[in-house]
Structure formats: structure tokens, C-alpha cells
């Protein structure tokens, strides 16, 4: 589903904004650090966050990743989120995410900090992808 161009764009260390559907029906949008696993978007969150509660109630989510430098581009991914509390599965992903945003030298420490009891691994399987490149050109 992700083209090579979109995959290359999503490899940049940009922050995604993820929107879930709140219990009151309103959208809830928060920034998340993420990595790709094939076409899936993977990140972690605490089990008590609004986004975790919203995903349990309704797994439909939308992520938007934008490059705020000219000529401006973005990718929007709609999909279904799955939650896992398997710490053995979570540790390598939390470490990869940490390496991406904090650097290799801090990856292990941040990975271990974020792959603990009370955290969840979130995997978003895309159902729709929209991308616009070089909007200002």
C-alpha cells in the first residue's frame, strides 16, 4: 500500500499526529513518535492514555505526518490500530523508535524505559493512504 516515495518520506524523523475518536464522539489528536514495519505504523503509548482508551473502544485511527519545510509535503494514513502488552515484542520496537528520535547512543535506555509494564505497543494497519508532495511548488 505504501509506495517507495511515501515510505522514503515516512523514514524522515518527523512526528505523526494521530487522531482517535473520543468517547464523546469528538476527535482527539496527539503527537506520536513512530517507525514503519512494512506498511504498518508502529508506536508505543501508556495503557491509561486517552488514545489507548479510544483505540480499545474504536480502533479506527488517522495519522498525519507533515514536513513543515518548504516546499511542504504530507502523508495521511487511515487505518485500524491493534494493541499489544507483550513486553518481549515491545522492546525492539521501543528501541527502534528511540534510536530514530533520540539517536543510537540513547536508544537502548529509552527503549527499556518505554517497554515496561503499563505500556502498549500500537500497530496501525493502513486502509487508506493519501500523500501530497511539494504543495508550495
Protein backbone atom coordinates (compact mmCIF):
# COMPACT_ATOMS: atom_id res chain seq x y z
CA UNK A 1 0.00 0.00 0.00
CA UNK A 2 2.88 2.42 0.74
CA UNK A 3 4.79 3.42 -2.35
CA UNK A 4 8.57 3.71 -2.19
CA UNK A 5 8.25 7.52 -2.32
CA UNK A 6 5.83 7.55 0.63
CA UNK A 7 7.99 5.07 2.56
CA UNK A 8 11.07 7.28 1.99
CA UNK A 9 9.14 10.33 3.23
CA UNK A 10 7.96 8.45 6.35
CA UNK A 11 11.56 7.42 7.11
CA UNK A 12 12.35 11.04 7.98
CA UNK A 13 12.34 11.63 11.77
CA UNK A 14 9.09 13.57 11.61
CA UNK A 15 6.40 13.38 14.28
CA UNK A 16 2.99 11.95 13.38
CA UNK A 17 -0.24 13.47 14.62
CA UNK A 18 -2.63 10.68 15.45
CA UNK A 19 -6.37 11.17 15.72
CA UNK A 20 -8.71 8.80 17.52
CA UNK A 21 -12.43 9.05 18.15
CA UNK A 22 -13.10 10.11 21.74
CA UNK A 23 -15.84 8.64 23.90
CA UNK A 24 -17.85 11.81 23.33
CA UNK A 25 -17.54 11.39 19.55
CA UNK A 26 -15.07 14.25 19.14
CA UNK A 27 -11.66 13.73 17.53
CA UNK A 28 -8.64 13.53 19.83
CA UNK A 29 -5.29 14.36 18.20
CA UNK A 30 -1.86 13.87 19.76
CA UNK A 31 1.75 13.71 18.51
CA UNK A 32 3.44 10.30 18.40
CA UNK A 33 6.93 9.04 17.58
CA UNK A 34 6.73 6.08 15.21
CA UNK A 35 8.56 3.68 12.92
CA UNK A 36 7.40 1.62 9.96
CA UNK A 37 7.14 -2.16 9.85
CA UNK A 38 6.40 -2.85 6.21
CA UNK A 39 3.25 -0.81 5.63
CA UNK A 40 2.32 -0.74 9.34
CA UNK A 41 2.92 2.28 11.55
CA UNK A 42 4.23 1.24 14.98
CA UNK A 43 4.46 3.28 18.21
CA UNK A 44 4.01 2.91 21.96
CA UNK A 45 1.70 4.53 24.46
CA UNK A 46 0.73 4.15 28.09
CA UNK A 47 -2.29 1.97 28.77
CA UNK A 48 -4.05 4.83 30.60
CA UNK A 49 -3.81 7.46 27.84
CA UNK A 50 -6.86 8.85 26.11
CA UNK A 51 -5.60 7.39 22.81
CA UNK A 52 -5.28 3.88 24.31
CA UNK A 53 -8.81 4.07 25.72
CA UNK A 54 -10.12 5.40 22.41
CA UNK A 55 -8.42 2.63 20.41
CA UNK A 56 -9.94 -0.03 22.69
CA UNK A 57 -13.37 1.47 22.07
CA UNK A 58 -12.92 2.11 18.33
CA UNK A 59 -9.69 1.03 16.58
CA UNK A 60 -10.14 3.38 13.61
CA UNK A 61 -7.38 5.99 13.60
CA UNK A 62 -5.81 8.56 11.31
CA UNK A 63 -2.19 9.66 11.30
CA UNK A 64 -0.80 12.68 9.53
CA UNK A 65 2.92 13.24 9.02
CA UNK A 66 3.96 16.56 7.55
CA UNK A 67 7.20 18.17 6.55
CA UNK A 68 6.99 21.77 7.71
CA UNK A 69 9.87 22.89 5.49
CA UNK A 70 9.23 24.27 2.01
CA UNK A 71 8.00 23.05 -0.39
CA UNK A 72 5.80 21.28 2.24
CA UNK A 73 4.52 17.71 1.91
CA UNK A 74 2.40 15.35 3.95
CA UNK A 75 1.17 11.78 4.22
CA UNK A 76 -2.13 10.83 5.81
CA UNK A 77 -2.69 7.22 6.86
CA UNK A 78 -6.11 5.95 7.88
CA UNK A 79 -6.18 2.52 9.43
CA UNK A 80 -7.06 0.11 12.17
CA UNK A 81 -4.98 0.05 15.34
CA UNK A 82 -4.11 -3.10 17.28
CA UNK A 83 -2.80 -3.04 20.86
CA UNK A 84 -0.33 -5.44 22.48
CA UNK A 85 1.05 -5.51 26.01
CA UNK A 86 3.69 -8.14 25.16
CA UNK A 87 6.88 -6.59 26.60
CA UNK A 88 9.12 -9.03 24.71
CA UNK A 89 7.56 -7.84 21.42
CA UNK A 90 7.55 -4.20 22.54
CA UNK A 91 11.24 -3.81 23.50
CA UNK A 92 12.76 -3.99 19.99
CA UNK A 93 10.16 -1.56 18.64
CA UNK A 94 10.55 0.89 21.53
CA UNK A 95 14.32 0.77 20.98
CA UNK A 96 13.97 1.43 17.22
CA UNK A 97 11.64 4.34 17.89
CA UNK A 98 14.09 5.76 20.45
CA UNK A 99 17.00 5.41 18.01
CA UNK A 100 15.06 7.29 15.37
CA UNK A 101 14.22 10.29 17.57
CA UNK A 102 16.87 10.27 20.33
CA UNK A 103 19.85 8.78 18.48
CA UNK A 104 21.60 5.41 18.63
CA UNK A 105 23.56 6.32 21.77
CA UNK A 106 20.35 6.72 23.81
CA UNK A 107 18.22 4.10 22.04
CA UNK A 108 18.66 1.23 24.48
CA UNK A 109 18.00 3.37 27.58
CA UNK A 110 14.86 4.93 26.10
CA UNK A 111 13.71 1.59 24.66
CA UNK A 112 13.94 -0.04 28.11
CA UNK A 113 12.23 2.94 29.70
CA UNK A 114 9.31 2.68 27.28
CA UNK A 115 8.91 -1.13 27.12
CA UNK A 116 7.63 -1.65 30.64
CA UNK A 117 4.50 -2.85 32.39
CA UNK A 118 1.72 -0.36 31.71
CA UNK A 119 2.88 0.44 28.18
CA UNK A 120 1.30 -0.78 24.97
CA UNK A 121 2.64 -1.44 21.50
CA UNK A 122 0.33 0.06 18.89
CA UNK A 123 0.34 -1.22 15.31
CA UNK A 124 -1.71 0.66 12.72
CA UNK A 125 -2.58 -1.34 9.61
CA UNK A 126 -3.34 1.15 6.81
CA UNK A 127 -6.65 1.02 4.98
CA UNK A 128 -6.18 4.29 3.07
CA UNK A 129 -3.13 6.45 2.32
CA UNK A 130 -3.13 9.96 0.86
CA UNK A 131 0.04 11.88 0.08
CA UNK A 132 0.71 15.33 -1.32
CA UNK A 133 4.24 16.44 -2.15
CA UNK A 134 5.70 19.87 -2.77
CA UNK A 135 2.47 21.70 -2.03
CA UNK A 136 4.12 25.14 -2.34
CA UNK A 137 5.61 24.47 -5.78
